[in-house]
Amino acid sequence: MNLCASNLFRHTSPGYRSRHAARQSTRPLPSTMSNARNDDAWRTYPHTLLEFPECDAAAIDLRRPLEQGDRDLLRDLGLDQPFAVLTAENPCSLHAEDSASERDPATREDRNRERMAALVRLLDERDLHFVRVDGVAPDDSHREHSVAILVDREDAVDLARALDQLAMFWYDGHEFWLYPARLERTPLRLPQPGAETSRAAGA
């Protein structure tokens, strides 16, 4: 586990967070951060489905406005307060074809399991409430095991950056947002215009 992630929740003062953010902003980004694939990833994130294994894989479709059933689901999961959804898998959005050391799918899966286990240990040590959730592509072509964490938004962004994630989802108590972590983007309120049309078309 990255040291800055391990220490993240020990420091909550604004001074610490500003210094930590400054260190993160000056840290060199991997070369993969500048390629077109990251633009593609940012465009696909708003089309994510959030599946909750604890509720028989009940899902929230981020392409459409939240309905009362979605809010009831979040309440039943103890997520009726602001929370973040993030993962430790596939840092910098790396997949098997991106890294010579992870071209073997079994090796990639093993490393992703280790990354998620380390993240869960961190959250347990900090006594932070979290719920397991999978971020899933609409056609089920991609799935990332994630966690929904009741945590301050700034701390969540810091953690996502420490885990070398491009972005994370944020629920503000009313609606979902897509927040950048290791990318320089403007946060997006979800759903995005046109997402419902894509959903109807089966995208």
N, C-alpha and C. Protein backbone atom coordinates (compact mmCIF):
# COMPACT_ATOMS: atom_id res chain seq x y z
N MET A 1 0.85 -1.20 0.00
CA MET A 1 0.00 0.00 0.00
C MET A 1 0.88 1.24 0.00
N ASN A 2 0.56 2.13 -0.89
CA ASN A 2 1.28 3.40 -0.96
C ASN A 2 1.27 4.08 0.41
N LEU A 3 2.42 4.60 0.83
CA LEU A 3 2.54 5.18 2.16
C LEU A 3 1.57 6.33 2.35
N CYS A 4 1.40 7.18 1.34
CA CYS A 4 0.50 8.31 1.51
C CYS A 4 -0.94 7.84 1.66
N ALA A 5 -1.28 6.70 1.04
CA ALA A 5 -2.61 6.16 1.27
C ALA A 5 -2.75 5.62 2.67
N SER A 6 -1.70 4.97 3.18
CA SER A 6 -1.76 4.40 4.51
C SER A 6 -1.95 5.47 5.57
N ASN A 7 -1.38 6.66 5.34
CA ASN A 7 -1.44 7.73 6.33
C ASN A 7 -2.59 8.70 6.09
N LEU A 8 -3.35 8.46 5.04
CA LEU A 8 -4.28 9.48 4.56
C LEU A 8 -5.24 9.96 5.62
N PHE A 9 -5.82 9.04 6.37
CA PHE A 9 -6.89 9.43 7.28
C PHE A 9 -6.40 9.76 8.67
N ARG A 10 -5.08 9.79 8.89
CA ARG A 10 -4.56 10.23 10.17
C ARG A 10 -4.54 11.74 10.27
N HIS A 11 -4.54 12.41 9.13
CA HIS A 11 -4.37 13.86 9.10
C HIS A 11 -5.63 14.47 8.50
N THR A 12 -6.32 15.29 9.24
CA THR A 12 -7.57 15.87 8.74
C THR A 12 -7.55 17.39 8.72
N SER A 13 -6.47 18.02 9.13
CA SER A 13 -6.44 19.48 9.16
C SER A 13 -6.35 20.03 7.75
N PRO A 14 -6.95 21.21 7.49
CA PRO A 14 -6.86 21.82 6.15
C PRO A 14 -5.42 22.01 5.71
N GLY A 15 -4.53 22.32 6.66
CA GLY A 15 -3.13 22.52 6.30
C GLY A 15 -2.50 21.27 5.75
N TYR A 16 -2.82 20.13 6.39
CA TYR A 16 -2.28 18.86 5.87
C TYR A 16 -2.81 18.59 4.48
N ARG A 17 -4.13 18.77 4.31
CA ARG A 17 -4.71 18.44 3.02
C ARG A 17 -4.14 19.30 1.91
N SER A 18 -3.89 20.58 2.19
CA SER A 18 -3.35 21.45 1.15
C SER A 18 -1.92 21.06 0.81
N ARG A 19 -1.13 20.69 1.84
CA ARG A 19 0.25 20.26 1.56
C ARG A 19 0.25 18.95 0.80
N HIS A 20 -0.64 18.02 1.22
CA HIS A 20 -0.71 16.73 0.55
C HIS A 20 -1.13 16.90 -0.91
N ALA A 21 -2.12 17.77 -1.16
CA ALA A 21 -2.57 18.00 -2.53
C ALA A 21 -1.44 18.60 -3.37
N ALA A 22 -0.65 19.48 -2.77
CA ALA A 22 0.46 20.08 -3.51
C ALA A 22 1.48 19.02 -3.91
N ARG A 23 1.78 18.09 -2.99
CA ARG A 23 2.72 17.02 -3.32
C ARG A 23 2.16 16.16 -4.44
N GLN A 24 0.84 15.84 -4.37
CA GLN A 24 0.24 15.02 -5.40
C GLN A 24 0.27 15.71 -6.75
N SER A 25 0.00 17.04 -6.77
CA SER A 25 -0.09 17.76 -8.04
C SER A 25 1.26 17.87 -8.72
N THR A 26 2.36 17.81 -7.97
CA THR A 26 3.68 17.93 -8.57
C THR A 26 4.31 16.56 -8.84
N ARG A 27 3.66 15.49 -8.40
CA ARG A 27 4.21 14.16 -8.64
C ARG A 27 4.12 13.81 -10.11
N PRO A 28 5.20 13.31 -10.74
CA PRO A 28 5.15 13.00 -12.17
C PRO A 28 4.07 11.97 -12.46
N LEU A 29 3.33 12.18 -13.55
CA LEU A 29 2.30 11.24 -13.95
C LEU A 29 2.89 10.19 -14.88
N PRO A 30 2.39 8.95 -14.81
CA PRO A 30 2.84 7.94 -15.75
C PRO A 30 2.54 8.38 -17.17
N SER A 31 3.33 7.87 -18.10
CA SER A 31 3.17 8.30 -19.49
C SER A 31 1.79 7.95 -20.02
N THR A 32 1.18 6.87 -19.51
CA THR A 32 -0.13 6.47 -20.00
C THR A 32 -1.18 7.51 -19.70
N MET A 33 -0.89 8.46 -18.77
CA MET A 33 -1.89 9.44 -18.39
C MET A 33 -2.16 10.43 -19.53
N SER A 34 -1.27 10.53 -20.51
CA SER A 34 -1.41 11.56 -21.54
C SER A 34 -1.98 11.03 -22.83
N ASN A 35 -2.27 9.73 -22.91
CA ASN A 35 -2.72 9.22 -24.20
C ASN A 35 -4.23 9.29 -24.35
N ALA A 36 -4.67 9.04 -25.56
CA ALA A 36 -6.09 9.19 -25.90
C ALA A 36 -6.96 8.20 -25.15
N ARG A 37 -6.37 7.10 -24.68
CA ARG A 37 -7.17 6.11 -23.96
C ARG A 37 -7.78 6.70 -22.70
N ASN A 38 -7.07 7.64 -22.07
CA ASN A 38 -7.62 8.25 -20.87
C ASN A 38 -8.81 9.15 -21.19
N ASP A 39 -8.77 9.81 -22.35
CA ASP A 39 -9.93 10.58 -22.80
C ASP A 39 -11.12 9.65 -23.02
N ASP A 40 -10.85 8.49 -23.62
CA ASP A 40 -11.91 7.52 -23.85
C ASP A 40 -12.47 7.02 -22.51
N ALA A 41 -11.57 6.76 -21.54
CA ALA A 41 -12.01 6.29 -20.24
C ALA A 41 -12.92 7.32 -19.57
N TRP A 42 -12.52 8.58 -19.62
CA TRP A 42 -13.32 9.64 -19.00
C TRP A 42 -14.71 9.71 -19.63
N ARG A 43 -14.78 9.50 -20.94
CA ARG A 43 -16.08 9.54 -21.62
C ARG A 43 -16.95 8.34 -21.27
N THR A 44 -16.33 7.22 -20.95
CA THR A 44 -17.13 6.02 -20.66
C THR A 44 -17.60 5.95 -19.21
N TYR A 45 -16.90 6.62 -18.30
CA TYR A 45 -17.27 6.53 -16.89
C TYR A 45 -18.74 6.88 -16.62
N PRO A 46 -19.30 7.92 -17.26
CA PRO A 46 -20.70 8.26 -16.96
C PRO A 46 -21.70 7.18 -17.38
N HIS A 47 -21.24 6.17 -18.11
CA HIS A 47 -22.12 5.09 -18.56
C HIS A 47 -22.00 3.85 -17.67
N THR A 48 -21.47 4.04 -16.48
CA THR A 48 -21.24 2.93 -15.56
C THR A 48 -22.51 2.52 -14.82
N LEU A 49 -22.62 1.21 -14.55
CA LEU A 49 -23.62 0.68 -13.64
C LEU A 49 -22.91 0.31 -12.35
N LEU A 50 -23.50 0.66 -11.22
CA LEU A 50 -22.97 0.29 -9.92
C LEU A 50 -23.77 -0.88 -9.39
N GLU A 51 -23.13 -2.06 -9.30
CA GLU A 51 -23.79 -3.26 -8.81
C GLU A 51 -23.35 -3.53 -7.37
N PHE A 52 -24.31 -3.86 -6.52
CA PHE A 52 -24.05 -4.09 -5.10
C PHE A 52 -24.24 -5.57 -4.78
N PRO A 53 -23.13 -6.33 -4.65
CA PRO A 53 -23.23 -7.78 -4.40
C PRO A 53 -24.02 -8.11 -3.14
N GLU A 54 -23.98 -7.24 -2.14
CA GLU A 54 -24.69 -7.52 -0.89
C GLU A 54 -26.20 -7.52 -1.06
N CYS A 55 -26.68 -6.95 -2.16
CA CYS A 55 -28.13 -6.88 -2.41
C CYS A 55 -28.48 -7.62 -3.69
N ASP A 56 -27.94 -8.82 -3.84
CA ASP A 56 -28.22 -9.66 -5.02
C ASP A 56 -27.93 -8.92 -6.31
N ALA A 57 -26.81 -8.18 -6.29
CA ALA A 57 -26.34 -7.46 -7.48
C ALA A 57 -27.34 -6.40 -7.95
N ALA A 58 -28.14 -5.87 -7.01
CA ALA A 58 -28.98 -4.72 -7.36
C ALA A 58 -28.09 -3.62 -7.89
N ALA A 59 -28.57 -2.90 -8.90
CA ALA A 59 -27.71 -1.94 -9.59
C ALA A 59 -28.34 -0.56 -9.67
N ILE A 60 -27.46 0.44 -9.70
CA ILE A 60 -27.84 1.82 -9.98
C ILE A 60 -27.19 2.20 -11.31
N ASP A 61 -28.01 2.61 -12.25
CA ASP A 61 -27.54 2.97 -13.58
C ASP A 61 -27.24 4.47 -13.59
N LEU A 62 -25.96 4.82 -13.71
CA LEU A 62 -25.56 6.22 -13.66
C LEU A 62 -25.91 6.98 -14.93
N ARG A 63 -26.50 6.29 -15.91
CA ARG A 63 -26.92 6.97 -17.13
C ARG A 63 -28.29 7.61 -17.00
N ARG A 64 -28.98 7.34 -15.91
CA ARG A 64 -30.33 7.89 -15.75
C ARG A 64 -30.48 8.55 -14.38
N PRO A 65 -31.43 9.45 -14.24
CA PRO A 65 -31.65 10.10 -12.93
C PRO A 65 -32.00 9.07 -11.87
N LEU A 66 -31.62 9.37 -10.64
CA LEU A 66 -31.94 8.47 -9.54
C LEU A 66 -33.45 8.45 -9.29
N GLU A 67 -33.95 7.26 -9.02
CA GLU A 67 -35.35 7.09 -8.68
C GLU A 67 -35.46 6.76 -7.20
N GLN A 68 -36.68 6.74 -6.68
CA GLN A 68 -36.85 6.47 -5.26
C GLN A 68 -36.33 5.09 -4.88
N GLY A 69 -36.48 4.13 -5.78
CA GLY A 69 -35.94 2.79 -5.50
C GLY A 69 -34.43 2.80 -5.33
N ASP A 70 -33.74 3.64 -6.10
CA ASP A 70 -32.28 3.76 -5.97
C ASP A 70 -31.93 4.34 -4.60
N ARG A 71 -32.66 5.37 -4.19
CA ARG A 71 -32.38 6.00 -2.90
C ARG A 71 -32.70 5.04 -1.75
N ASP A 72 -33.75 4.23 -1.91
CA ASP A 72 -34.08 3.24 -0.89
C ASP A 72 -32.95 2.20 -0.78
N LEU A 73 -32.40 1.81 -1.92
CA LEU A 73 -31.29 0.86 -1.92
C LEU A 73 -30.09 1.43 -1.17
N LEU A 74 -29.74 2.67 -1.46
CA LEU A 74 -28.61 3.30 -0.78
C LEU A 74 -28.87 3.40 0.73
N ARG A 75 -30.09 3.74 1.09
CA ARG A 75 -30.42 3.85 2.52
C ARG A 75 -30.27 2.49 3.20
N ASP A 76 -30.76 1.43 2.55
CA ASP A 76 -30.67 0.09 3.13
C ASP A 76 -29.22 -0.36 3.30
N LEU A 77 -28.34 0.16 2.45
CA LEU A 77 -26.91 -0.19 2.52
C LEU A 77 -26.15 0.72 3.49
N GLY A 78 -26.84 1.65 4.12
CA GLY A 78 -26.17 2.59 5.02
C GLY A 78 -25.43 3.67 4.27
N LEU A 79 -25.86 3.95 3.04
CA LEU A 79 -25.19 4.94 2.19
C LEU A 79 -26.11 6.11 1.90
N ASP A 80 -26.85 6.55 2.91
CA ASP A 80 -27.75 7.68 2.71
C ASP A 80 -27.08 9.00 3.02
N GLN A 81 -25.75 8.96 3.23
CA GLN A 81 -24.95 10.17 3.43
C GLN A 81 -23.95 10.26 2.27
N PRO A 82 -23.29 11.41 2.11
CA PRO A 82 -22.30 11.52 1.03
C PRO A 82 -21.23 10.43 1.13
N PHE A 83 -20.87 9.87 -0.03
CA PHE A 83 -19.86 8.81 -0.06
C PHE A 83 -19.15 8.81 -1.41
N ALA A 84 -18.00 8.14 -1.43
CA ALA A 84 -17.21 8.00 -2.65
C ALA A 84 -17.23 6.54 -3.10
N VAL A 85 -17.14 6.35 -4.40
CA VAL A 85 -16.97 5.01 -4.98
C VAL A 85 -15.64 5.01 -5.71
N LEU A 86 -14.72 4.16 -5.25
CA LEU A 86 -13.42 4.08 -5.91
C LEU A 86 -12.87 2.66 -5.83
N THR A 87 -11.83 2.42 -6.59
CA THR A 87 -11.22 1.11 -6.68
C THR A 87 -9.72 1.22 -6.52
N ALA A 88 -9.08 0.08 -6.23
CA ALA A 88 -7.63 0.01 -6.25
C ALA A 88 -7.15 -0.78 -7.47
N GLU A 89 -8.09 -1.30 -8.24
CA GLU A 89 -7.73 -2.12 -9.39
C GLU A 89 -7.25 -1.26 -10.57
N ASN A 90 -6.47 -1.90 -11.44
CA ASN A 90 -6.05 -1.28 -12.71
C ASN A 90 -5.59 0.16 -12.55
N PRO A 91 -4.55 0.42 -11.72
CA PRO A 91 -4.08 1.80 -11.53
C PRO A 91 -3.73 2.46 -12.86
N CYS A 92 -4.05 3.75 -12.94
CA CYS A 92 -3.85 4.52 -14.18
C CYS A 92 -4.60 3.92 -15.35
N SER A 93 -5.68 3.19 -15.02
CA SER A 93 -6.53 2.55 -16.03
C SER A 93 -5.76 1.54 -16.86
N LEU A 94 -4.69 0.97 -16.27
CA LEU A 94 -3.90 -0.03 -16.98
C LEU A 94 -4.66 -1.36 -17.04
N HIS A 95 -4.63 -1.98 -18.20
CA HIS A 95 -5.21 -3.30 -18.37
C HIS A 95 -4.13 -4.24 -18.90
N ALA A 96 -4.50 -5.43 -19.21
CA ALA A 96 -3.51 -6.45 -19.57
C ALA A 96 -2.64 -6.01 -20.74
N GLU A 97 -3.24 -5.34 -21.72
CA GLU A 97 -2.48 -4.98 -22.91
C GLU A 97 -1.54 -3.80 -22.68
N ASP A 98 -1.67 -3.12 -21.55
CA ASP A 98 -0.89 -1.92 -21.30
C ASP A 98 0.45 -2.21 -20.64
N SER A 99 0.55 -3.27 -19.89
CA SER A 99 1.74 -3.53 -19.09
C SER A 99 2.29 -4.92 -19.39
N ALA A 100 3.59 -4.96 -19.73
CA ALA A 100 4.20 -6.25 -20.04
C ALA A 100 4.12 -7.19 -18.86
N SER A 101 4.16 -6.65 -17.64
CA SER A 101 4.15 -7.49 -16.45
C SER A 101 2.76 -8.01 -16.12
N GLU A 102 1.72 -7.47 -16.81
CA GLU A 102 0.36 -7.89 -16.47
C GLU A 102 -0.42 -8.35 -17.70
N ARG A 103 0.30 -8.80 -18.72
CA ARG A 103 -0.39 -9.28 -19.91
C ARG A 103 -1.07 -10.61 -19.66
N ASP A 104 -0.59 -11.36 -18.69
CA ASP A 104 -1.25 -12.59 -18.32
C ASP A 104 -2.48 -12.23 -17.47
N PRO A 105 -3.69 -12.56 -17.94
CA PRO A 105 -4.89 -12.18 -17.17
C PRO A 105 -4.88 -12.69 -15.74
N ALA A 106 -4.32 -13.88 -15.51
CA ALA A 106 -4.28 -14.42 -14.16
C ALA A 106 -3.39 -13.55 -13.26
N THR A 107 -2.26 -13.10 -13.81
CA THR A 107 -1.37 -12.23 -13.05
C THR A 107 -2.05 -10.91 -12.72
N ARG A 108 -2.75 -10.35 -13.70
CA ARG A 108 -3.46 -9.09 -13.48
C ARG A 108 -4.52 -9.26 -12.41
N GLU A 109 -5.28 -10.34 -12.48
CA GLU A 109 -6.34 -10.57 -11.50
C GLU A 109 -5.76 -10.74 -10.10
N ASP A 110 -4.63 -11.46 -10.01
CA ASP A 110 -3.99 -11.64 -8.71
C ASP A 110 -3.56 -10.31 -8.13
N ARG A 111 -2.96 -9.46 -8.96
CA ARG A 111 -2.50 -8.16 -8.47
C ARG A 111 -3.68 -7.27 -8.08
N ASN A 112 -4.74 -7.34 -8.85
CA ASN A 112 -5.92 -6.55 -8.50
C ASN A 112 -6.52 -7.01 -7.18
N ARG A 113 -6.53 -8.32 -6.95
CA ARG A 113 -7.03 -8.84 -5.68
C ARG A 113 -6.16 -8.33 -4.52
N GLU A 114 -4.85 -8.33 -4.73
CA GLU A 114 -3.94 -7.84 -3.69
C GLU A 114 -4.18 -6.36 -3.42
N ARG A 115 -4.38 -5.57 -4.49
CA ARG A 115 -4.60 -4.13 -4.32
C ARG A 115 -5.89 -3.87 -3.55
N MET A 116 -6.95 -4.61 -3.90
CA MET A 116 -8.21 -4.40 -3.21
C MET A 116 -8.14 -4.88 -1.76
N ALA A 117 -7.44 -5.98 -1.52
CA ALA A 117 -7.30 -6.47 -0.14
C ALA A 117 -6.56 -5.45 0.71
N ALA A 118 -5.55 -4.79 0.14
CA ALA A 118 -4.81 -3.77 0.89
C ALA A 118 -5.70 -2.56 1.18
N LEU A 119 -6.53 -2.18 0.21
CA LEU A 119 -7.45 -1.06 0.43
C LEU A 119 -8.46 -1.39 1.52
N VAL A 120 -9.00 -2.59 1.49
CA VAL A 120 -9.98 -2.99 2.51
C VAL A 120 -9.33 -3.01 3.89
N ARG A 121 -8.09 -3.49 3.98
CA ARG A 121 -7.39 -3.47 5.27
C ARG A 121 -7.24 -2.04 5.78
N LEU A 122 -6.89 -1.12 4.88
CA LEU A 122 -6.76 0.28 5.26
C LEU A 122 -8.06 0.83 5.82
N LEU A 123 -9.16 0.54 5.14
CA LEU A 123 -10.46 1.05 5.59
C LEU A 123 -10.86 0.43 6.92
N ASP A 124 -10.57 -0.86 7.09
CA ASP A 124 -10.85 -1.52 8.36
C ASP A 124 -10.05 -0.89 9.49
N GLU A 125 -8.77 -0.62 9.22
CA GLU A 125 -7.91 -0.01 10.24
C GLU A 125 -8.41 1.36 10.64
N ARG A 126 -8.99 2.10 9.68
CA ARG A 126 -9.50 3.44 9.96
C ARG A 126 -10.93 3.41 10.48
N ASP A 127 -11.50 2.19 10.57
CA ASP A 127 -12.87 2.02 11.05
C ASP A 127 -13.84 2.84 10.23
N LEU A 128 -13.65 2.83 8.91
CA LEU A 128 -14.52 3.56 7.99
C LEU A 128 -15.57 2.62 7.42
N HIS A 129 -16.81 3.07 7.43
CA HIS A 129 -17.89 2.26 6.86
C HIS A 129 -17.76 2.21 5.35
N PHE A 130 -17.78 1.01 4.79
CA PHE A 130 -17.74 0.88 3.35
C PHE A 130 -18.60 -0.30 2.92
N VAL A 131 -19.00 -0.28 1.67
CA VAL A 131 -19.82 -1.33 1.08
C VAL A 131 -19.15 -1.73 -0.23
N ARG A 132 -19.09 -3.01 -0.48
CA ARG A 132 -18.49 -3.47 -1.74
C ARG A 132 -19.46 -3.19 -2.89
N VAL A 133 -18.89 -2.73 -3.99
CA VAL A 133 -19.69 -2.41 -5.17
C VAL A 133 -18.83 -2.67 -6.40
N ASP A 134 -19.44 -3.11 -7.47
CA ASP A 134 -18.73 -3.33 -8.74
C ASP A 134 -19.13 -2.24 -9.72
N GLY A 135 -18.14 -1.64 -10.38
CA GLY A 135 -18.40 -0.73 -11.48
C GLY A 135 -18.41 -1.53 -12.76
N VAL A 136 -19.52 -1.53 -13.48
CA VAL A 136 -19.72 -2.44 -14.60
C VAL A 136 -20.09 -1.67 -15.86
N ALA A 137 -19.50 -2.07 -16.99
CA ALA A 137 -19.89 -1.50 -18.28
C ALA A 137 -21.29 -1.98 -18.63
N PRO A 138 -22.07 -1.18 -19.36
CA PRO A 138 -23.44 -1.58 -19.69
C PRO A 138 -23.55 -2.92 -20.39
N ASP A 139 -22.56 -3.27 -21.21
CA ASP A 139 -22.60 -4.56 -21.90
C ASP A 139 -21.84 -5.64 -21.14
N ASP A 140 -21.44 -5.33 -19.89
CA ASP A 140 -20.73 -6.27 -19.02
C ASP A 140 -19.36 -6.68 -19.57
N SER A 141 -18.81 -5.84 -20.46
CA SER A 141 -17.51 -6.15 -21.04
C SER A 141 -16.36 -5.81 -20.10
N HIS A 142 -16.64 -5.00 -19.08
CA HIS A 142 -15.60 -4.62 -18.12
C HIS A 142 -16.22 -4.48 -16.75
N ARG A 143 -15.47 -4.94 -15.74
CA ARG A 143 -15.96 -4.89 -14.37
C ARG A 143 -14.78 -4.59 -13.45
N GLU A 144 -14.97 -3.66 -12.52
CA GLU A 144 -13.95 -3.36 -11.53
C GLU A 144 -14.57 -3.45 -10.14
N HIS A 145 -13.93 -4.27 -9.28
CA HIS A 145 -14.36 -4.38 -7.90
C HIS A 145 -13.97 -3.10 -7.18
N SER A 146 -14.92 -2.52 -6.48
CA SER A 146 -14.72 -1.21 -5.85
C SER A 146 -15.32 -1.21 -4.45
N VAL A 147 -15.24 -0.05 -3.81
CA VAL A 147 -15.87 0.14 -2.51
C VAL A 147 -16.56 1.50 -2.49
N ALA A 148 -17.69 1.56 -1.81
CA ALA A 148 -18.37 2.82 -1.53
C ALA A 148 -18.04 3.17 -0.08
N ILE A 149 -17.43 4.34 0.13
CA ILE A 149 -16.88 4.71 1.44
C ILE A 149 -17.53 5.99 1.95
N LEU A 150 -17.99 5.97 3.19
CA LEU A 150 -18.46 7.19 3.84
C LEU A 150 -17.23 7.96 4.30
N VAL A 151 -16.87 8.99 3.54
CA VAL A 151 -15.63 9.71 3.79
C VAL A 151 -15.77 11.11 3.20
N ASP A 152 -14.99 12.04 3.73
CA ASP A 152 -14.93 13.40 3.19
C ASP A 152 -14.47 13.36 1.74
N ARG A 153 -15.06 14.24 0.91
CA ARG A 153 -14.74 14.20 -0.52
C ARG A 153 -13.27 14.49 -0.79
N GLU A 154 -12.68 15.45 -0.11
CA GLU A 154 -11.27 15.77 -0.35
C GLU A 154 -10.39 14.58 0.01
N ASP A 155 -10.70 13.90 1.11
CA ASP A 155 -9.92 12.72 1.47
C ASP A 155 -10.10 11.61 0.45
N ALA A 156 -11.32 11.48 -0.08
CA ALA A 156 -11.57 10.46 -1.09
C ALA A 156 -10.76 10.72 -2.36
N VAL A 157 -10.70 11.98 -2.79
CA VAL A 157 -9.91 12.32 -3.98
C VAL A 157 -8.43 12.05 -3.71
N ASP A 158 -7.96 12.41 -2.52
CA ASP A 158 -6.56 12.14 -2.16
C ASP A 158 -6.27 10.64 -2.23
N LEU A 159 -7.21 9.85 -1.70
CA LEU A 159 -7.00 8.40 -1.71
C LEU A 159 -6.99 7.86 -3.14
N ALA A 160 -7.92 8.33 -3.97
CA ALA A 160 -7.95 7.89 -5.36
C ALA A 160 -6.65 8.23 -6.07
N ARG A 161 -6.10 9.42 -5.79
CA ARG A 161 -4.81 9.79 -6.39
C ARG A 161 -3.69 8.90 -5.88
N ALA A 162 -3.71 8.62 -4.57
CA ALA A 162 -2.66 7.77 -4.01
C ALA A 162 -2.71 6.37 -4.61
N LEU A 163 -3.91 5.94 -5.00
CA LEU A 163 -4.07 4.63 -5.63
C LEU A 163 -3.89 4.70 -7.15
N ASP A 164 -3.46 5.87 -7.64
CA ASP A 164 -3.23 6.08 -9.08
C ASP A 164 -4.47 5.81 -9.92
N GLN A 165 -5.61 6.26 -9.42
CA GLN A 165 -6.85 6.13 -10.19
C GLN A 165 -7.11 7.40 -10.99
N LEU A 166 -7.66 7.23 -12.17
CA LEU A 166 -7.96 8.39 -13.00
C LEU A 166 -9.10 9.22 -12.44
N ALA A 167 -10.09 8.54 -11.83
CA ALA A 167 -11.29 9.24 -11.39
C ALA A 167 -12.00 8.41 -10.33
N MET A 168 -13.05 9.00 -9.77
CA MET A 168 -13.90 8.30 -8.81
C MET A 168 -15.31 8.87 -8.93
N PHE A 169 -16.26 8.15 -8.38
CA PHE A 169 -17.63 8.64 -8.31
C PHE A 169 -17.89 9.21 -6.92
N TRP A 170 -18.69 10.27 -6.86
CA TRP A 170 -19.03 10.92 -5.60
C TRP A 170 -20.54 11.09 -5.53
N TYR A 171 -21.14 10.68 -4.41
CA TYR A 171 -22.56 10.90 -4.15
C TYR A 171 -22.67 11.97 -3.09
N ASP A 172 -23.32 13.08 -3.42
CA ASP A 172 -23.36 14.23 -2.51
C ASP A 172 -24.56 14.22 -1.56
N GLY A 173 -25.27 13.11 -1.54
CA GLY A 173 -26.47 12.99 -0.72
C GLY A 173 -27.73 13.16 -1.54
N HIS A 174 -27.57 13.62 -2.78
CA HIS A 174 -28.72 13.85 -3.66
C HIS A 174 -28.50 13.24 -5.05
N GLU A 175 -27.29 13.38 -5.57
CA GLU A 175 -27.00 12.89 -6.91
C GLU A 175 -25.53 12.48 -7.02
N PHE A 176 -25.23 11.75 -8.09
CA PHE A 176 -23.86 11.27 -8.33
C PHE A 176 -23.09 12.26 -9.20
N TRP A 177 -21.78 12.27 -8.97
CA TRP A 177 -20.84 13.07 -9.76
C TRP A 177 -19.67 12.18 -10.16
N LEU A 178 -19.03 12.55 -11.26
CA LEU A 178 -17.75 11.96 -11.65
C LEU A 178 -16.67 12.98 -11.33
N TYR A 179 -15.75 12.59 -10.44
CA TYR A 179 -14.68 13.50 -10.02
C TYR A 179 -13.34 12.99 -10.55
N PRO A 180 -12.52 13.89 -11.10
CA PRO A 180 -11.17 13.48 -11.54
C PRO A 180 -10.26 13.25 -10.33
N ALA A 181 -9.31 12.35 -10.50
CA ALA A 181 -8.29 12.12 -9.48
C ALA A 181 -6.93 12.40 -10.10
N ARG A 182 -6.43 11.48 -10.94
CA ARG A 182 -5.13 11.69 -11.58
C ARG A 182 -5.28 12.32 -12.97
N LEU A 183 -6.46 12.76 -13.29
CA LEU A 183 -6.69 13.49 -14.54
C LEU A 183 -7.04 14.94 -14.24
N GLU A 184 -6.77 15.81 -15.18
CA GLU A 184 -7.17 17.21 -15.05
C GLU A 184 -8.46 17.40 -15.84
N ARG A 185 -9.56 17.31 -15.13
CA ARG A 185 -10.88 17.45 -15.74
C ARG A 185 -11.79 18.23 -14.78
N THR A 186 -12.89 18.69 -15.31
CA THR A 186 -13.92 19.34 -14.49
C THR A 186 -14.91 18.28 -14.02
N PRO A 187 -15.27 18.27 -12.74
CA PRO A 187 -16.25 17.28 -12.27
C PRO A 187 -17.54 17.34 -13.09
N LEU A 188 -18.13 16.17 -13.31
CA LEU A 188 -19.35 16.07 -14.10
C LEU A 188 -20.51 15.60 -13.22
N ARG A 189 -21.62 16.31 -13.29
CA ARG A 189 -22.83 15.85 -12.61
C ARG A 189 -23.47 14.76 -13.47
N LEU A 190 -23.90 13.70 -12.82
CA LEU A 190 -24.51 12.58 -13.52
C LEU A 190 -26.02 12.52 -13.22
N PRO A 191 -26.81 12.08 -14.23
CA PRO A 191 -26.38 11.61 -15.54
C PRO A 191 -26.01 12.76 -16.46
N GLN A 192 -25.21 12.45 -17.47
CA GLN A 192 -24.83 13.43 -18.46
C GLN A 192 -25.89 13.51 -19.56
N PRO A 193 -26.05 14.68 -20.19
CA PRO A 193 -27.02 14.80 -21.29
C PRO A 193 -26.75 13.76 -22.37
N GLY A 194 -27.79 13.12 -22.82
CA GLY A 194 -27.66 12.11 -23.86
C GLY A 194 -27.43 10.72 -23.34
N ALA A 195 -27.10 10.59 -22.05
CA ALA A 195 -26.84 9.25 -21.50
C ALA A 195 -28.08 8.38 -21.55
N GLU A 196 -29.25 8.97 -21.31
CA GLU A 196 -30.49 8.21 -21.33
C GLU A 196 -30.78 7.68 -22.72
N THR A 197 -30.45 8.51 -23.74
CA THR A 197 -30.64 8.08 -25.13
C THR A 197 -29.75 6.89 -25.43
N SER A 198 -28.48 6.95 -24.94
CA SER A 198 -27.56 5.83 -25.17
C SER A 198 -28.08 4.58 -24.50
N ARG A 199 -28.65 4.75 -23.32
CA ARG A 199 -29.20 3.61 -22.59
C ARG A 199 -30.34 2.96 -23.38
N ALA A 200 -31.22 3.82 -23.93
CA ALA A 200 -32.34 3.30 -24.70
C ALA A 200 -31.87 2.56 -25.95
N ALA A 201 -30.74 3.01 -26.49
CA ALA A 201 -30.21 2.38 -27.69
C ALA A 201 -29.43 1.11 -27.38
N GLY A 202 -29.26 0.82 -26.07
CA GLY A 202 -28.56 -0.39 -25.69
C GLY A 202 -27.08 -0.21 -25.61
N ALA A 203 -26.59 1.03 -25.58
CA ALA A 203 -25.14 1.28 -25.52
C ALA A 203 -24.61 0.98 -24.14
